[in-house]
Amino acid sequence: MNGYYVYILECSDKTLYTGWTSNLEKRIQEHNDGKDGAKYTRTRRPVSLVYAEICSCMSEALKREVQIKKLSRGKKLEMIKG
């Protein structure tokens, strides 16, 4: 998998976490391992991938992450169902 990804994880407590990465599989594993995952997901494992989109460059991924994080939970769920 090449490129940059923006993703949404569903945590064990049903909350949603949004992030970006250049290696989606590795990043999800890091979230579930707890070592290099985000502080937010460390206490909410296991997490599962519920949404991902590919971006053409890191800058686009960062901007898209910010856009998604600003959405309400309802809008994120609509996007996931998409």
N, C-alpha and C. Protein backbone atom coordinates (compact mmCIF):
# COMPACT_ATOMS: atom_id res chain seq x y z
N MET A 1 0.84 -1.19 0.00
CA MET A 1 0.00 0.00 0.00
C MET A 1 0.88 1.25 0.00
N ASN A 2 0.89 1.97 -1.08
CA ASN A 2 1.67 3.19 -1.17
C ASN A 2 0.75 4.39 -1.12
N GLY A 3 1.27 5.49 -0.64
CA GLY A 3 0.49 6.72 -0.56
C GLY A 3 0.28 7.13 0.88
N TYR A 4 -0.63 8.04 1.07
CA TYR A 4 -0.98 8.53 2.40
C TYR A 4 -2.47 8.28 2.61
N TYR A 5 -2.81 7.94 3.83
CA TYR A 5 -4.18 7.55 4.16
C TYR A 5 -4.70 8.38 5.32
N VAL A 6 -5.96 8.71 5.24
CA VAL A 6 -6.70 9.25 6.38
C VAL A 6 -7.65 8.13 6.78
N TYR A 7 -7.74 7.87 8.07
CA TYR A 7 -8.53 6.73 8.51
C TYR A 7 -9.33 7.07 9.75
N ILE A 8 -10.39 6.29 9.95
CA ILE A 8 -11.18 6.39 11.17
C ILE A 8 -11.21 5.00 11.80
N LEU A 9 -10.91 4.96 13.08
CA LEU A 9 -10.97 3.73 13.86
C LEU A 9 -12.16 3.78 14.79
N GLU A 10 -12.77 2.64 15.01
CA GLU A 10 -13.77 2.52 16.07
C GLU A 10 -13.08 1.85 17.24
N CYS A 11 -13.12 2.50 18.38
CA CYS A 11 -12.48 1.96 19.58
C CYS A 11 -13.44 1.02 20.31
N SER A 12 -12.92 0.28 21.27
CA SER A 12 -13.73 -0.69 22.00
C SER A 12 -14.89 -0.04 22.75
N ASP A 13 -14.76 1.25 23.09
CA ASP A 13 -15.86 1.95 23.78
C ASP A 13 -16.80 2.64 22.80
N LYS A 14 -16.67 2.29 21.50
CA LYS A 14 -17.52 2.81 20.42
C LYS A 14 -17.22 4.26 20.04
N THR A 15 -16.17 4.85 20.59
CA THR A 15 -15.77 6.18 20.15
C THR A 15 -15.00 6.05 18.84
N LEU A 16 -14.87 7.17 18.14
CA LEU A 16 -14.17 7.19 16.86
C LEU A 16 -12.87 7.97 16.99
N TYR A 17 -11.85 7.49 16.33
CA TYR A 17 -10.55 8.15 16.32
C TYR A 17 -10.13 8.36 14.86
N THR A 18 -9.70 9.56 14.52
CA THR A 18 -9.27 9.87 13.16
C THR A 18 -7.78 10.16 13.15
N GLY A 19 -7.08 9.62 12.16
CA GLY A 19 -5.65 9.86 12.01
C GLY A 19 -5.22 9.76 10.57
N TRP A 20 -3.92 9.88 10.35
CA TRP A 20 -3.37 9.73 9.00
C TRP A 20 -2.07 8.93 9.10
N THR A 21 -1.68 8.32 7.99
CA THR A 21 -0.47 7.51 7.97
C THR A 21 -0.03 7.26 6.53
N SER A 22 1.19 6.79 6.39
CA SER A 22 1.66 6.36 5.07
C SER A 22 1.66 4.83 4.97
N ASN A 23 1.40 4.16 6.10
CA ASN A 23 1.35 2.70 6.11
C ASN A 23 0.16 2.27 6.99
N LEU A 24 -0.96 2.06 6.35
CA LEU A 24 -2.22 1.83 7.07
C LEU A 24 -2.19 0.57 7.93
N GLU A 25 -1.75 -0.54 7.37
CA GLU A 25 -1.74 -1.79 8.14
C GLU A 25 -0.84 -1.68 9.36
N LYS A 26 0.35 -1.12 9.18
CA LYS A 26 1.30 -0.97 10.29
C LYS A 26 0.72 -0.05 11.38
N ARG A 27 0.08 1.03 10.95
CA ARG A 27 -0.45 1.99 11.92
C ARG A 27 -1.57 1.39 12.76
N ILE A 28 -2.45 0.64 12.14
CA ILE A 28 -3.53 0.00 12.90
C ILE A 28 -2.94 -0.98 13.91
N GLN A 29 -1.93 -1.72 13.49
CA GLN A 29 -1.26 -2.65 14.40
C GLN A 29 -0.63 -1.90 15.57
N GLU A 30 -0.02 -0.73 15.29
CA GLU A 30 0.57 0.07 16.36
C GLU A 30 -0.49 0.53 17.35
N HIS A 31 -1.65 0.94 16.84
CA HIS A 31 -2.74 1.34 17.74
C HIS A 31 -3.15 0.17 18.63
N ASN A 32 -3.22 -1.02 18.08
CA ASN A 32 -3.65 -2.18 18.86
C ASN A 32 -2.56 -2.72 19.77
N ASP A 33 -1.30 -2.53 19.41
CA ASP A 33 -0.21 -2.97 20.27
C ASP A 33 -0.03 -2.04 21.47
N GLY A 34 -0.36 -0.77 21.27
CA GLY A 34 -0.29 0.18 22.36
C GLY A 34 1.01 0.92 22.52
N LYS A 35 2.10 0.42 21.93
CA LYS A 35 3.40 1.07 22.10
C LYS A 35 3.47 2.41 21.38
N ASP A 36 3.24 2.39 20.09
CA ASP A 36 3.37 3.59 19.27
C ASP A 36 2.04 4.15 18.83
N GLY A 37 0.96 3.62 19.36
CA GLY A 37 -0.36 4.12 19.01
C GLY A 37 -0.62 5.44 19.71
N ALA A 38 -1.67 6.10 19.32
CA ALA A 38 -2.04 7.37 19.93
C ALA A 38 -2.42 7.16 21.39
N LYS A 39 -2.15 8.16 22.19
CA LYS A 39 -2.50 8.10 23.61
C LYS A 39 -4.00 7.82 23.78
N TYR A 40 -4.81 8.41 22.91
CA TYR A 40 -6.26 8.23 23.00
C TYR A 40 -6.67 6.77 22.86
N THR A 41 -6.03 6.05 21.95
CA THR A 41 -6.46 4.67 21.69
C THR A 41 -5.85 3.65 22.66
N ARG A 42 -4.83 4.04 23.40
CA ARG A 42 -4.15 3.07 24.29
C ARG A 42 -5.08 2.44 25.31
N THR A 43 -6.02 3.21 25.81
CA THR A 43 -6.93 2.68 26.83
C THR A 43 -8.27 2.24 26.22
N ARG A 44 -8.35 2.26 24.90
CA ARG A 44 -9.61 1.93 24.23
C ARG A 44 -9.44 0.79 23.22
N ARG A 45 -8.48 -0.07 23.48
CA ARG A 45 -8.22 -1.19 22.57
C ARG A 45 -9.16 -2.35 22.86
N PRO A 46 -9.40 -3.18 21.87
CA PRO A 46 -8.87 -3.11 20.52
C PRO A 46 -9.62 -2.08 19.68
N VAL A 47 -8.95 -1.62 18.63
CA VAL A 47 -9.56 -0.71 17.68
C VAL A 47 -9.74 -1.43 16.36
N SER A 48 -10.71 -0.98 15.58
CA SER A 48 -10.89 -1.58 14.26
C SER A 48 -11.08 -0.48 13.22
N LEU A 49 -10.54 -0.72 12.05
CA LEU A 49 -10.63 0.23 10.96
C LEU A 49 -12.06 0.22 10.41
N VAL A 50 -12.68 1.41 10.36
CA VAL A 50 -14.04 1.50 9.82
C VAL A 50 -14.11 2.38 8.58
N TYR A 51 -13.04 3.14 8.30
CA TYR A 51 -13.04 4.02 7.13
C TYR A 51 -11.60 4.38 6.79
N ALA A 52 -11.32 4.45 5.50
CA ALA A 52 -10.01 4.93 5.03
C ALA A 52 -10.16 5.51 3.64
N GLU A 53 -9.39 6.54 3.40
CA GLU A 53 -9.33 7.10 2.05
C GLU A 53 -7.87 7.44 1.75
N ILE A 54 -7.51 7.29 0.49
CA ILE A 54 -6.13 7.55 0.08
C ILE A 54 -6.01 9.00 -0.38
N CYS A 55 -4.88 9.60 -0.07
CA CYS A 55 -4.60 10.97 -0.47
C CYS A 55 -3.33 10.97 -1.33
N SER A 56 -3.20 11.98 -2.16
CA SER A 56 -2.08 12.02 -3.10
C SER A 56 -0.76 12.42 -2.45
N CYS A 57 -0.83 13.14 -1.32
CA CYS A 57 0.41 13.57 -0.66
C CYS A 57 0.13 13.78 0.84
N MET A 58 1.21 13.95 1.58
CA MET A 58 1.08 14.11 3.03
C MET A 58 0.28 15.37 3.37
N SER A 59 0.51 16.45 2.65
CA SER A 59 -0.20 17.69 2.91
C SER A 59 -1.71 17.51 2.76
N GLU A 60 -2.12 16.81 1.72
CA GLU A 60 -3.54 16.54 1.50
C GLU A 60 -4.11 15.69 2.63
N ALA A 61 -3.35 14.70 3.08
CA ALA A 61 -3.80 13.83 4.17
C ALA A 61 -3.99 14.62 5.47
N LEU A 62 -3.05 15.50 5.76
CA LEU A 62 -3.14 16.31 6.97
C LEU A 62 -4.36 17.23 6.92
N LYS A 63 -4.59 17.86 5.78
CA LYS A 63 -5.75 18.75 5.64
C LYS A 63 -7.05 17.96 5.77
N ARG A 64 -7.09 16.79 5.15
CA ARG A 64 -8.30 15.97 5.21
C ARG A 64 -8.57 15.49 6.64
N GLU A 65 -7.50 15.13 7.36
CA GLU A 65 -7.66 14.72 8.76
C GLU A 65 -8.32 15.84 9.57
N VAL A 66 -7.85 17.06 9.39
CA VAL A 66 -8.42 18.20 10.11
C VAL A 66 -9.89 18.37 9.76
N GLN A 67 -10.22 18.25 8.46
CA GLN A 67 -11.62 18.37 8.03
C GLN A 67 -12.50 17.33 8.72
N ILE A 68 -12.04 16.10 8.73
CA ILE A 68 -12.83 15.02 9.33
C ILE A 68 -12.98 15.21 10.83
N LYS A 69 -11.90 15.61 11.49
CA LYS A 69 -11.96 15.80 12.95
C LYS A 69 -12.97 16.88 13.34
N LYS A 70 -13.22 17.83 12.45
CA LYS A 70 -14.17 18.91 12.74
C LYS A 70 -15.63 18.46 12.57
N LEU A 71 -15.85 17.32 11.92
CA LEU A 71 -17.21 16.82 11.71
C LEU A 71 -17.81 16.30 13.01
N SER A 72 -19.12 16.37 13.10
CA SER A 72 -19.82 15.78 14.24
C SER A 72 -19.74 14.26 14.14
N ARG A 73 -20.01 13.59 15.22
CA ARG A 73 -20.03 12.12 15.21
C ARG A 73 -21.04 11.61 14.18
N GLY A 74 -22.19 12.24 14.12
CA GLY A 74 -23.21 11.84 13.16
C GLY A 74 -22.73 11.92 11.72
N LYS A 75 -22.04 13.01 11.39
CA LYS A 75 -21.52 13.18 10.03
C LYS A 75 -20.44 12.14 9.74
N LYS A 76 -19.62 11.83 10.74
CA LYS A 76 -18.59 10.80 10.55
C LYS A 76 -19.25 9.44 10.30
N LEU A 77 -20.30 9.14 11.04
CA LEU A 77 -20.99 7.86 10.85
C LEU A 77 -21.63 7.78 9.47
N GLU A 78 -22.17 8.90 8.99
CA GLU A 78 -22.72 8.94 7.63
C GLU A 78 -21.62 8.66 6.61
N MET A 79 -20.47 9.26 6.82
CA MET A 79 -19.33 9.08 5.91
C MET A 79 -18.88 7.62 5.92
N ILE A 80 -18.86 7.00 7.08
CA ILE A 80 -18.46 5.60 7.21
C ILE A 80 -19.44 4.69 6.46
N LYS A 81 -20.73 4.96 6.63
CA LYS A 81 -21.75 4.15 5.95
C LYS A 81 -21.70 4.36 4.45
N GLY A 82 -21.32 5.58 4.04
CA GLY A 82 -21.12 6.06 2.72
C GLY A 82 -21.58 5.40 1.56
